[in-house]
């Protein structure tokens, strides 16, 4: 049986980048094929031309029509600067191209660029500005997670999801800061659903555990064995506290109806622009302003991207 899927997803090795393209694909209600990308030394170069030169030999071998068919994809979804030359190479073979994040060179050659407002996209016919970034936390996934992690309902409400990242450039989240955020989260509700990420580090995870020792909680540290309850934490959260260093976590939190409070943990201008865009849209508030819970509707920017693709007849 041949694979005649019309949609290809170029999957960057970095999970957060790949999730942006995959999140769009999963909302199109159309079959798609995932093309794993693997970068060679030349991927570091800012390629001004469409090319597969940044890929390893094995990855280049995977960029071909499915066995038994001469057809290249009808639509290519990609994300991140490194995948942009690959998507443009496929555009020369007749594919429509939808790219998330700034592509570097060749922006005008993409059919659609999905760029966060915080990345200050210039006005152009092929640019679709969104709040935050694309992700895979769809309403369906949240509903499934709520059912899968129904045991979290036993924790006292309001349940505060604490999402901890880490240094944008550097290593680890300062343990004292992590502990302080855990105590703030505990003061906002009846229980805490805390998770640390790859950038948080072991010391921060231990600090959170100690800070929450007297509070009803569930803690999932990065690298923990067993199923990851992250989606369940979001699905059951009544309030979300997230460090402002992770565009992905902030964007995924917006998919819920829970008030989002941002711990402003970085001086990075790009992240500060993101916070400002969310504050101005009424989608988040700063944690240090000590606000009470506020009403907000779930934000589903990925659905808007998918609707734009369908409306333009690219499937």
C-alpha atoms as a PDB file:
ATOM      1  CA  UNK A   1       0.000   0.000   0.000  1.00  0.00           C
ATOM      2  CA  UNK A   2       1.499   3.313  -1.035  1.00  0.00           C
ATOM      3  CA  UNK A   3       1.597   6.380   1.171  1.00  0.00           C
ATOM      4  CA  UNK A   4      -0.045   9.161  -0.828  1.00  0.00           C
ATOM      5  CA  UNK A   5      -0.437  11.595   2.055  1.00  0.00           C
ATOM      6  CA  UNK A   6      -0.621  15.164   0.765  1.00  0.00           C
ATOM      7  CA  UNK A   7       0.816  16.838   3.871  1.00  0.00           C
ATOM      8  CA  UNK A   8       4.410  16.593   5.067  1.00  0.00           C
ATOM      9  CA  UNK A   9       5.576  17.770   8.484  1.00  0.00           C
ATOM     10  CA  UNK A  10       9.289  18.597   8.731  1.00  0.00           C
ATOM     11  CA  UNK A  11      10.089  17.579  12.318  1.00  0.00           C
ATOM     12  CA  UNK A  12      13.053  19.421  13.804  1.00  0.00           C
ATOM     13  CA  UNK A  13      15.012  17.330  16.363  1.00  0.00           C
ATOM     14  CA  UNK A  14      14.146  19.896  19.050  1.00  0.00           C
ATOM     15  CA  UNK A  15      10.793  18.822  20.467  1.00  0.00           C
ATOM     16  CA  UNK A  16       9.535  22.345  21.123  1.00  0.00           C
ATOM     17  CA  UNK A  17      10.229  23.426  17.551  1.00  0.00           C
ATOM     18  CA  UNK A  18       8.765  20.276  16.003  1.00  0.00           C
ATOM     19  CA  UNK A  19       5.630  20.697  18.133  1.00  0.00           C
ATOM     20  CA  UNK A  20       4.768  23.919  16.332  1.00  0.00           C
ATOM     21  CA  UNK A  21       4.547  22.210  12.932  1.00  0.00           C
ATOM     22  CA  UNK A  22       2.954  19.065  14.371  1.00  0.00           C
ATOM     23  CA  UNK A  23       0.371  21.112  16.239  1.00  0.00           C
ATOM     24  CA  UNK A  24      -0.828  22.649  12.977  1.00  0.00           C
ATOM     25  CA  UNK A  25      -0.888  19.284  11.204  1.00  0.00           C
ATOM     26  CA  UNK A  26      -2.973  17.670  13.922  1.00  0.00           C
ATOM     27  CA  UNK A  27      -5.679  20.305  13.525  1.00  0.00           C
ATOM     28  CA  UNK A  28      -6.096  19.962   9.740  1.00  0.00           C
ATOM     29  CA  UNK A  29      -8.214  16.773   9.811  1.00  0.00           C
ATOM     30  CA  UNK A  30      -6.093  15.405   6.984  1.00  0.00           C
ATOM     31  CA  UNK A  31      -3.526  12.573   6.884  1.00  0.00           C
ATOM     32  CA  UNK A  32       0.076  13.718   7.178  1.00  0.00           C
ATOM     33  CA  UNK A  33       3.533  12.241   7.021  1.00  0.00           C
ATOM     34  CA  UNK A  34       6.227  13.181   9.544  1.00  0.00           C
ATOM     35  CA  UNK A  35       9.686  13.676   8.028  1.00  0.00           C
ATOM     36  CA  UNK A  36      12.342  13.500  10.789  1.00  0.00           C
ATOM     37  CA  UNK A  37      15.135  16.013  10.272  1.00  0.00           C
ATOM     38  CA  UNK A  38      18.695  15.539  11.460  1.00  0.00           C
ATOM     39  CA  UNK A  39      21.154  18.392  11.195  1.00  0.00           C
ATOM     40  CA  UNK A  40      24.712  18.195   9.955  1.00  0.00           C
ATOM     41  CA  UNK A  41      27.453  20.809  10.499  1.00  0.00           C
ATOM     42  CA  UNK A  42      26.239  22.948   7.596  1.00  0.00           C
ATOM     43  CA  UNK A  43      22.864  23.535   9.258  1.00  0.00           C
ATOM     44  CA  UNK A  44      24.436  26.338  11.309  1.00  0.00           C
ATOM     45  CA  UNK A  45      24.863  28.442   8.174  1.00  0.00           C
ATOM     46  CA  UNK A  46      22.096  30.923   7.265  1.00  0.00           C
ATOM     47  CA  UNK A  47      21.326  29.479   3.833  1.00  0.00           C
ATOM     48  CA  UNK A  48      20.020  32.136   1.413  1.00  0.00           C
ATOM     49  CA  UNK A  49      18.902  29.522  -1.140  1.00  0.00           C
ATOM     50  CA  UNK A  50      16.577  26.502  -1.007  1.00  0.00           C
ATOM     51  CA  UNK A  51      18.756  23.503  -0.126  1.00  0.00           C
ATOM     52  CA  UNK A  52      19.049  20.211   1.725  1.00  0.00           C
ATOM     53  CA  UNK A  53      22.696  20.923   2.544  1.00  0.00           C
ATOM     54  CA  UNK A  54      22.041  21.352   6.261  1.00  0.00           C
ATOM     55  CA  UNK A  55      20.767  17.780   6.617  1.00  0.00           C
ATOM     56  CA  UNK A  56      22.791  14.679   7.317  1.00  0.00           C
ATOM     57  CA  UNK A  57      23.032  12.165   4.505  1.00  0.00           C
ATOM     58  CA  UNK A  58      20.493   9.873   6.146  1.00  0.00           C
ATOM     59  CA  UNK A  59      18.000  12.708   6.566  1.00  0.00           C
ATOM     60  CA  UNK A  60      18.471  13.828   2.947  1.00  0.00           C
ATOM     61  CA  UNK A  61      17.639  10.288   1.839  1.00  0.00           C
ATOM     62  CA  UNK A  62      14.281  10.626   3.577  1.00  0.00           C
ATOM     63  CA  UNK A  63      13.290  13.646   1.502  1.00  0.00           C
ATOM     64  CA  UNK A  64      11.715  11.778  -1.383  1.00  0.00           C
ATOM     65  CA  UNK A  65       8.206  10.877  -2.569  1.00  0.00           C
ATOM     66  CA  UNK A  66       6.603   7.898  -0.829  1.00  0.00           C
ATOM     67  CA  UNK A  67       7.529   4.528  -2.291  1.00  0.00           C
ATOM     68  CA  UNK A  68       5.384   3.677  -5.288  1.00  0.00           C
ATOM     69  CA  UNK A  69       4.332   7.228  -6.101  1.00  0.00           C
ATOM     70  CA  UNK A  70       6.055  10.062  -7.965  1.00  0.00           C
ATOM     71  CA  UNK A  71       4.197  12.712  -6.011  1.00  0.00           C
ATOM     72  CA  UNK A  72       5.864  15.330  -3.836  1.00  0.00           C
ATOM     73  CA  UNK A  73       3.721  16.748  -1.012  1.00  0.00           C
ATOM     74  CA  UNK A  74       0.923  19.162  -1.698  1.00  0.00           C
ATOM     75  CA  UNK A  75       1.543  21.012   1.579  1.00  0.00           C
ATOM     76  CA  UNK A  76       4.671  21.253   3.758  1.00  0.00           C
ATOM     77  CA  UNK A  77       4.543  22.377   7.401  1.00  0.00           C
ATOM     78  CA  UNK A  78       7.799  23.432   9.043  1.00  0.00           C
ATOM     79  CA  UNK A  79       9.125  25.421  11.990  1.00  0.00           C
ATOM     80  CA  UNK A  80      12.432  26.989  12.930  1.00  0.00           C
ATOM     81  CA  UNK A  81      15.186  28.648  10.927  1.00  0.00           C
ATOM     82  CA  UNK A  82      17.061  25.447  10.094  1.00  0.00           C
ATOM     83  CA  UNK A  83      14.103  23.755   8.423  1.00  0.00           C
ATOM     84  CA  UNK A  84      13.271  26.789   6.260  1.00  0.00           C
ATOM     85  CA  UNK A  85      15.750  25.988   3.398  1.00  0.00           C
ATOM     86  CA  UNK A  86      14.362  22.422   3.291  1.00  0.00           C
ATOM     87  CA  UNK A  87      10.779  23.691   3.018  1.00  0.00           C
ATOM     88  CA  UNK A  88      11.812  26.100   0.284  1.00  0.00           C
ATOM     89  CA  UNK A  89      13.502  23.233  -1.591  1.00  0.00           C
ATOM     90  CA  UNK A  90      10.199  21.350  -1.522  1.00  0.00           C
ATOM     91  CA  UNK A  91       8.353  24.484  -2.657  1.00  0.00           C
ATOM     92  CA  UNK A  92      10.359  24.279  -5.875  1.00  0.00           C
ATOM     93  CA  UNK A  93       8.785  20.868  -6.376  1.00  0.00           C
ATOM     94  CA  UNK A  94       5.287  22.278  -6.228  1.00  0.00           C
ATOM     95  CA  UNK A  95       4.483  22.197  -2.520  1.00  0.00           C
ATOM     96  CA  UNK A  96       2.637  24.910  -0.663  1.00  0.00           C
ATOM     97  CA  UNK A  97       4.635  25.960   2.390  1.00  0.00           C
ATOM     98  CA  UNK A  98       3.435  27.008   5.856  1.00  0.00           C
ATOM     99  CA  UNK A  99       6.233  27.878   8.258  1.00  0.00           C
ATOM    100  CA  UNK A 100       6.068  28.699  11.970  1.00  0.00           C
ATOM    101  CA  UNK A 101       8.614  31.130  13.472  1.00  0.00           C
ATOM    102  CA  UNK A 102      10.910  33.467  11.585  1.00  0.00           C
ATOM    103  CA  UNK A 103      12.574  31.637   8.663  1.00  0.00           C
ATOM    104  CA  UNK A 104      15.626  33.822   8.147  1.00  0.00           C
ATOM    105  CA  UNK A 105      16.217  34.135   4.401  1.00  0.00           C
ATOM    106  CA  UNK A 106      13.470  33.711   1.830  1.00  0.00           C
ATOM    107  CA  UNK A 107      10.496  34.900   3.865  1.00  0.00           C
ATOM    108  CA  UNK A 108       8.666  36.128   0.777  1.00  0.00           C
ATOM    109  CA  UNK A 109       8.835  32.672  -0.781  1.00  0.00           C
ATOM    110  CA  UNK A 110       6.589  30.998   1.808  1.00  0.00           C
ATOM    111  CA  UNK A 111       2.867  30.787   1.210  1.00  0.00           C
ATOM    112  CA  UNK A 112       2.179  31.465   4.891  1.00  0.00           C
ATOM    113  CA  UNK A 113       4.404  32.495   7.788  1.00  0.00           C
ATOM    114  CA  UNK A 114       2.933  32.008  11.278  1.00  0.00           C
ATOM    115  CA  UNK A 115       4.850  34.364  13.556  1.00  0.00           C
ATOM    116  CA  UNK A 116       4.224  35.405  17.140  1.00  0.00           C
ATOM    117  CA  UNK A 117       3.348  39.044  17.637  1.00  0.00           C
ATOM    118  CA  UNK A 118       6.216  39.234  20.127  1.00  0.00           C
ATOM    119  CA  UNK A 119       8.627  38.573  17.256  1.00  0.00           C
ATOM    120  CA  UNK A 120       7.473  41.866  15.713  1.00  0.00           C
ATOM    121  CA  UNK A 121       6.591  40.576  12.247  1.00  0.00           C
ATOM    122  CA  UNK A 122       6.473  43.190   9.533  1.00  0.00           C
ATOM    123  CA  UNK A 123       3.173  43.478   7.720  1.00  0.00           C
ATOM    124  CA  UNK A 124       3.126  41.277   4.617  1.00  0.00           C
ATOM    125  CA  UNK A 125       0.413  39.390   2.704  1.00  0.00           C
ATOM    126  CA  UNK A 126       1.891  36.012   3.669  1.00  0.00           C
ATOM    127  CA  UNK A 127       2.297  36.691   7.414  1.00  0.00           C
ATOM    128  CA  UNK A 128      -0.260  35.553   9.968  1.00  0.00           C
ATOM    129  CA  UNK A 129       0.585  37.073  13.382  1.00  0.00           C
ATOM    130  CA  UNK A 130      -0.548  35.071  16.408  1.00  0.00           C
ATOM    131  CA  UNK A 131      -0.414  35.457  20.180  1.00  0.00           C
ATOM    132  CA  UNK A 132       2.282  33.172  21.527  1.00  0.00           C
ATOM    133  CA  UNK A 133       3.373  30.191  19.454  1.00  0.00           C
ATOM    134  CA  UNK A 134       1.774  27.134  17.870  1.00  0.00           C
ATOM    135  CA  UNK A 135       1.637  23.973  20.005  1.00  0.00           C
ATOM    136  CA  UNK A 136      -0.099  20.602  20.345  1.00  0.00           C
ATOM    137  CA  UNK A 137      -2.322  21.324  23.369  1.00  0.00           C
ATOM    138  CA  UNK A 138      -5.634  21.165  21.517  1.00  0.00           C
ATOM    139  CA  UNK A 139      -9.082  21.124  23.167  1.00  0.00           C
ATOM    140  CA  UNK A 140      -9.297  17.428  22.342  1.00  0.00           C
ATOM    141  CA  UNK A 141      -5.957  16.676  23.990  1.00  0.00           C
ATOM    142  CA  UNK A 142      -6.951  18.611  27.104  1.00  0.00           C
ATOM    143  CA  UNK A 143     -10.245  16.719  27.310  1.00  0.00           C
ATOM    144  CA  UNK A 144      -8.422  13.391  26.973  1.00  0.00           C
ATOM    145  CA  UNK A 145      -5.903  14.452  29.621  1.00  0.00           C
ATOM    146  CA  UNK A 146      -8.670  15.457  32.021  1.00  0.00           C
ATOM    147  CA  UNK A 147     -10.129  11.967  31.702  1.00  0.00           C
ATOM    148  CA  UNK A 148      -6.750  10.221  31.919  1.00  0.00           C
ATOM    149  CA  UNK A 149      -5.711  12.170  35.034  1.00  0.00           C
ATOM    150  CA  UNK A 150      -9.108  12.207  36.751  1.00  0.00           C
ATOM    151  CA  UNK A 151      -7.406  11.291  40.033  1.00  0.00           C
ATOM    152  CA  UNK A 152      -6.116  14.880  40.241  1.00  0.00           C
ATOM    153  CA  UNK A 153      -9.681  15.927  41.085  1.00  0.00           C
ATOM    154  CA  UNK A 154      -9.060  14.584  44.585  1.00  0.00           C
ATOM    155  CA  UNK A 155      -6.596  17.381  45.316  1.00  0.00           C
ATOM    156  CA  UNK A 156      -8.136  20.414  47.048  1.00  0.00           C
ATOM    157  CA  UNK A 157      -9.368  23.219  44.803  1.00  0.00           C
ATOM    158  CA  UNK A 158      -8.413  25.650  43.602  1.00  0.00           C
ATOM    159  CA  UNK A 159      -5.630  23.622  41.993  1.00  0.00           C
ATOM    160  CA  UNK A 160      -2.646  25.757  40.953  1.00  0.00           C
ATOM    161  CA  UNK A 161      -0.500  24.412  38.111  1.00  0.00           C
ATOM    162  CA  UNK A 162       3.106  25.574  38.545  1.00  0.00           C
ATOM    163  CA  UNK A 163       5.094  25.341  35.298  1.00  0.00           C
ATOM    164  CA  UNK A 164       8.812  25.920  35.795  1.00  0.00           C
ATOM    165  CA  UNK A 165      11.317  26.476  33.018  1.00  0.00           C
ATOM    166  CA  UNK A 166      14.824  27.798  33.419  1.00  0.00           C
ATOM    167  CA  UNK A 167      17.459  30.094  32.033  1.00  0.00           C
ATOM    168  CA  UNK A 168      16.963  31.028  28.389  1.00  0.00           C
ATOM    169  CA  UNK A 169      20.731  30.958  27.979  1.00  0.00           C
ATOM    170  CA  UNK A 170      22.497  29.146  30.778  1.00  0.00           C
ATOM    171  CA  UNK A 171      21.913  26.219  33.049  1.00  0.00           C
ATOM    172  CA  UNK A 172      19.242  25.578  35.645  1.00  0.00           C
ATOM    173  CA  UNK A 173      16.666  27.586  37.556  1.00  0.00           C
ATOM    174  CA  UNK A 174      17.966  29.192  40.742  1.00  0.00           C
ATOM    175  CA  UNK A 175      16.753  26.889  43.570  1.00  0.00           C
ATOM    176  CA  UNK A 176      15.813  29.808  45.840  1.00  0.00           C
ATOM    177  CA  UNK A 177      13.714  31.295  43.052  1.00  0.00           C
ATOM    178  CA  UNK A 178      12.057  27.941  42.356  1.00  0.00           C
ATOM    179  CA  UNK A 179      11.217  27.507  46.037  1.00  0.00           C
ATOM    180  CA  UNK A 180       9.831  31.035  46.265  1.00  0.00           C
ATOM    181  CA  UNK A 181       7.570  30.450  43.250  1.00  0.00           C
ATOM    182  CA  UNK A 182       6.353  27.183  44.795  1.00  0.00           C
ATOM    183  CA  UNK A 183       5.410  29.027  47.990  1.00  0.00           C
ATOM    184  CA  UNK A 184       3.626  31.744  45.987  1.00  0.00           C
ATOM    185  CA  UNK A 185       1.683  29.091  44.093  1.00  0.00           C
ATOM    186  CA  UNK A 186       0.740  27.371  47.333  1.00  0.00           C
ATOM    187  CA  UNK A 187      -0.603  30.657  48.677  1.00  0.00           C
ATOM    188  CA  UNK A 188      -2.974  31.012  45.724  1.00  0.00           C
ATOM    189  CA  UNK A 189      -4.969  27.834  46.131  1.00  0.00           C
ATOM    190  CA  UNK A 190      -5.718  24.612  47.899  1.00  0.00           C
ATOM    191  CA  UNK A 191      -3.140  22.426  46.151  1.00  0.00           C
ATOM    192  CA  UNK A 192      -0.279  22.673  43.656  1.00  0.00           C
ATOM    193  CA  UNK A 193       0.396  20.675  40.479  1.00  0.00           C
ATOM    194  CA  UNK A 194       4.083  21.403  39.865  1.00  0.00           C
ATOM    195  CA  UNK A 195       6.302  20.380  36.980  1.00  0.00           C
ATOM    196  CA  UNK A 196       9.899  21.231  36.186  1.00  0.00           C
ATOM    197  CA  UNK A 197      11.398  21.140  32.698  1.00  0.00           C
ATOM    198  CA  UNK A 198      14.710  20.189  31.137  1.00  0.00           C
ATOM    199  CA  UNK A 199      16.087  23.679  31.825  1.00  0.00           C
ATOM    200  CA  UNK A 200      15.071  23.708  35.509  1.00  0.00           C
ATOM    201  CA  UNK A 201      17.700  21.305  36.832  1.00  0.00           C
ATOM    202  CA  UNK A 202      17.709  18.828  39.692  1.00  0.00           C
ATOM    203  CA  UNK A 203      18.511  21.391  42.392  1.00  0.00           C
ATOM    204  CA  UNK A 204      15.431  23.454  41.498  1.00  0.00           C
ATOM    205  CA  UNK A 205      13.240  20.347  41.542  1.00  0.00           C
ATOM    206  CA  UNK A 206      14.461  19.422  45.022  1.00  0.00           C
ATOM    207  CA  UNK A 207      13.870  22.990  46.205  1.00  0.00           C
ATOM    208  CA  UNK A 208      10.278  22.878  44.959  1.00  0.00           C
ATOM    209  CA  UNK A 209       9.708  19.552  46.709  1.00  0.00           C
ATOM    210  CA  UNK A 210      10.946  20.992  49.993  1.00  0.00           C
ATOM    211  CA  UNK A 211       8.865  24.166  49.637  1.00  0.00           C
ATOM    212  CA  UNK A 212       5.684  22.166  49.009  1.00  0.00           C
ATOM    213  CA  UNK A 213       6.249  19.643  51.797  1.00  0.00           C
ATOM    214  CA  UNK A 214       3.344  20.971  53.869  1.00  0.00           C
ATOM    215  CA  UNK A 215       0.992  21.598  50.947  1.00  0.00           C
ATOM    216  CA  UNK A 216      -1.223  19.082  49.113  1.00  0.00           C
ATOM    217  CA  UNK A 217       0.564  18.703  45.811  1.00  0.00           C
ATOM    218  CA  UNK A 218       1.738  16.562  42.933  1.00  0.00           C
ATOM    219  CA  UNK A 219       5.288  17.161  41.641  1.00  0.00           C
ATOM    220  CA  UNK A 220       6.655  15.831  38.378  1.00  0.00           C
ATOM    221  CA  UNK A 221      10.367  16.479  38.005  1.00  0.00           C
ATOM    222  CA  UNK A 222      12.126  16.474  34.666  1.00  0.00           C
ATOM    223  CA  UNK A 223      13.401  12.971  33.961  1.00  0.00           C
ATOM    224  CA  UNK A 224      10.913  11.299  36.305  1.00  0.00           C
ATOM    225  CA  UNK A 225       9.877   7.800  35.334  1.00  0.00           C
ATOM    226  CA  UNK A 226       6.305   6.942  34.469  1.00  0.00           C
ATOM    227  CA  UNK A 227       3.685   8.870  32.505  1.00  0.00           C
ATOM    228  CA  UNK A 228       4.099  12.624  32.304  1.00  0.00           C
ATOM    229  CA  UNK A 229       1.083  14.394  33.871  1.00  0.00           C
ATOM    230  CA  UNK A 230       1.839  17.781  32.267  1.00  0.00           C
ATOM    231  CA  UNK A 231      -1.279  17.832  30.065  1.00  0.00           C
ATOM    232  CA  UNK A 232      -3.316  16.615  33.032  1.00  0.00           C
ATOM    233  CA  UNK A 233      -1.986  19.453  35.178  1.00  0.00           C
ATOM    234  CA  UNK A 234      -3.143  21.952  32.547  1.00  0.00           C
ATOM    235  CA  UNK A 235      -6.508  20.246  32.143  1.00  0.00           C
ATOM    236  CA  UNK A 236      -7.244  20.262  35.892  1.00  0.00           C
ATOM    237  CA  UNK A 237      -5.735  23.658  36.755  1.00  0.00           C
ATOM    238  CA  UNK A 238      -7.933  26.382  38.194  1.00  0.00           C
ATOM    239  CA  UNK A 239      -4.990  28.820  38.111  1.00  0.00           C
ATOM    240  CA  UNK A 240      -1.701  28.565  36.207  1.00  0.00           C
ATOM    241  CA  UNK A 241       1.604  30.078  37.324  1.00  0.00           C
ATOM    242  CA  UNK A 242       4.359  29.818  34.702  1.00  0.00           C
ATOM    243  CA  UNK A 243       7.878  31.155  34.448  1.00  0.00           C
ATOM    244  CA  UNK A 244       8.109  33.633  31.615  1.00  0.00           C
ATOM    245  CA  UNK A 245      11.206  32.062  30.065  1.00  0.00           C
ATOM    246  CA  UNK A 246       9.302  29.402  28.102  1.00  0.00           C
ATOM    247  CA  UNK A 247       7.306  30.513  25.067  1.00  0.00           C
ATOM    248  CA  UNK A 248       6.002  26.956  24.704  1.00  0.00           C
ATOM    249  CA  UNK A 249       4.661  26.630  28.250  1.00  0.00           C
ATOM    250  CA  UNK A 250       3.012  30.040  28.175  1.00  0.00           C
ATOM    251  CA  UNK A 251       1.377  29.286  24.823  1.00  0.00           C
ATOM    252  CA  UNK A 252       0.130  25.882  25.984  1.00  0.00           C
ATOM    253  CA  UNK A 253      -1.291  27.414  29.167  1.00  0.00           C
ATOM    254  CA  UNK A 254      -3.345  29.776  27.009  1.00  0.00           C
ATOM    255  CA  UNK A 255      -5.228  26.785  25.599  1.00  0.00           C
ATOM    256  CA  UNK A 256      -6.978  26.405  28.969  1.00  0.00           C
ATOM    257  CA  UNK A 257      -9.551  28.673  30.589  1.00  0.00           C
ATOM    258  CA  UNK A 258      -7.447  29.066  33.742  1.00  0.00           C
ATOM    259  CA  UNK A 259      -6.088  32.509  34.688  1.00  0.00           C
ATOM    260  CA  UNK A 260      -2.416  32.679  33.675  1.00  0.00           C
ATOM    261  CA  UNK A 261       0.031  34.428  36.007  1.00  0.00           C
ATOM    262  CA  UNK A 262       3.525  35.000  34.611  1.00  0.00           C
ATOM    263  CA  UNK A 263       6.625  34.958  36.815  1.00  0.00           C
ATOM    264  CA  UNK A 264       8.887  37.435  35.044  1.00  0.00           C
ATOM    265  CA  UNK A 265      12.092  35.432  35.355  1.00  0.00           C
ATOM    266  CA  UNK A 266      14.165  36.730  32.453  1.00  0.00           C
ATOM    267  CA  UNK A 267      15.342  40.042  31.027  1.00  0.00           C
ATOM    268  CA  UNK A 268      15.298  38.699  27.455  1.00  0.00           C
ATOM    269  CA  UNK A 269      13.607  41.341  25.258  1.00  0.00           C
ATOM    270  CA  UNK A 270      11.818  38.739  23.134  1.00  0.00           C
ATOM    271  CA  UNK A 271      10.156  37.154  26.147  1.00  0.00           C
ATOM    272  CA  UNK A 272       9.241  40.510  27.631  1.00  0.00           C
ATOM    273  CA  UNK A 273       7.542  41.425  24.360  1.00  0.00           C
ATOM    274  CA  UNK A 274       5.575  38.180  24.612  1.00  0.00           C
ATOM    275  CA  UNK A 275       4.414  38.965  28.150  1.00  0.00           C
ATOM    276  CA  UNK A 276       3.377  42.448  27.098  1.00  0.00           C
ATOM    277  CA  UNK A 277       1.346  41.085  24.169  1.00  0.00           C
ATOM    278  CA  UNK A 278      -0.466  38.680  26.504  1.00  0.00           C
ATOM    279  CA  UNK A 279      -1.119  41.344  29.152  1.00  0.00           C
ATOM    280  CA  UNK A 280      -2.500  43.748  26.546  1.00  0.00           C
ATOM    281  CA  UNK A 281      -4.790  41.027  25.174  1.00  0.00           C
ATOM    282  CA  UNK A 282      -6.140  40.270  28.657  1.00  0.00           C
ATOM    283  CA  UNK A 283      -4.781  36.718  28.468  1.00  0.00           C
ATOM    284  CA  UNK A 284      -2.321  36.925  31.369  1.00  0.00           C
ATOM    285  CA  UNK A 285      -1.214  39.043  34.314  1.00  0.00           C
ATOM    286  CA  UNK A 286       2.128  39.344  36.105  1.00  0.00           C
ATOM    287  CA  UNK A 287       2.487  37.158  39.174  1.00  0.00           C
ATOM    288  CA  UNK A 288       4.238  39.879  41.172  1.00  0.00           C
ATOM    289  CA  UNK A 289       1.224  42.151  40.802  1.00  0.00           C
ATOM    290  CA  UNK A 290      -0.495  39.684  43.180  1.00  0.00           C
ATOM    291  CA  UNK A 291      -3.737  39.687  41.212  1.00  0.00           C
ATOM    292  CA  UNK A 292      -6.738  37.641  42.138  1.00  0.00           C
ATOM    293  CA  UNK A 293      -8.198  35.119  39.688  1.00  0.00           C
ATOM    294  CA  UNK A 294      -9.585  36.714  36.537  1.00  0.00           C
ATOM    295  CA  UNK A 295     -11.836  35.493  33.766  1.00  0.00           C
ATOM    296  CA  UNK A 296     -10.389  34.632  30.388  1.00  0.00           C
ATOM    297  CA  UNK A 297     -11.464  32.497  27.457  1.00  0.00           C
ATOM    298  CA  UNK A 298      -9.223  29.743  26.083  1.00  0.00           C
ATOM    299  CA  UNK A 299      -7.038  30.931  23.213  1.00  0.00           C
ATOM    300  CA  UNK A 300      -6.861  28.619  20.205  1.00  0.00           C
ATOM    301  CA  UNK A 301      -4.522  30.266  17.726  1.00  0.00           C
ATOM    302  CA  UNK A 302      -3.587  26.926  16.142  1.00  0.00           C
ATOM    303  CA  UNK A 303      -7.204  26.423  15.099  1.00  0.00           C
ATOM    304  CA  UNK A 304      -7.061  29.824  13.398  1.00  0.00           C
ATOM    305  CA  UNK A 305      -3.945  28.774  11.478  1.00  0.00           C
ATOM    306  CA  UNK A 306      -5.592  25.507  10.409  1.00  0.00           C
ATOM    307  CA  UNK A 307      -8.742  27.356   9.325  1.00  0.00           C
ATOM    308  CA  UNK A 308      -6.649  29.725   7.223  1.00  0.00           C
ATOM    309  CA  UNK A 309      -4.998  26.785   5.448  1.00  0.00           C
ATOM    310  CA  UNK A 310      -8.341  25.129   4.726  1.00  0.00           C
ATOM    311  CA  UNK A 311      -9.889  28.404   3.566  1.00  0.00           C
ATOM    312  CA  UNK A 312      -7.088  28.851   1.041  1.00  0.00           C
ATOM    313  CA  UNK A 313      -7.700  25.395  -0.392  1.00  0.00           C
ATOM    314  CA  UNK A 314      -4.235  23.983   0.237  1.00  0.00           C
ATOM    315  CA  UNK A 315      -5.404  20.528   1.340  1.00  0.00           C
END
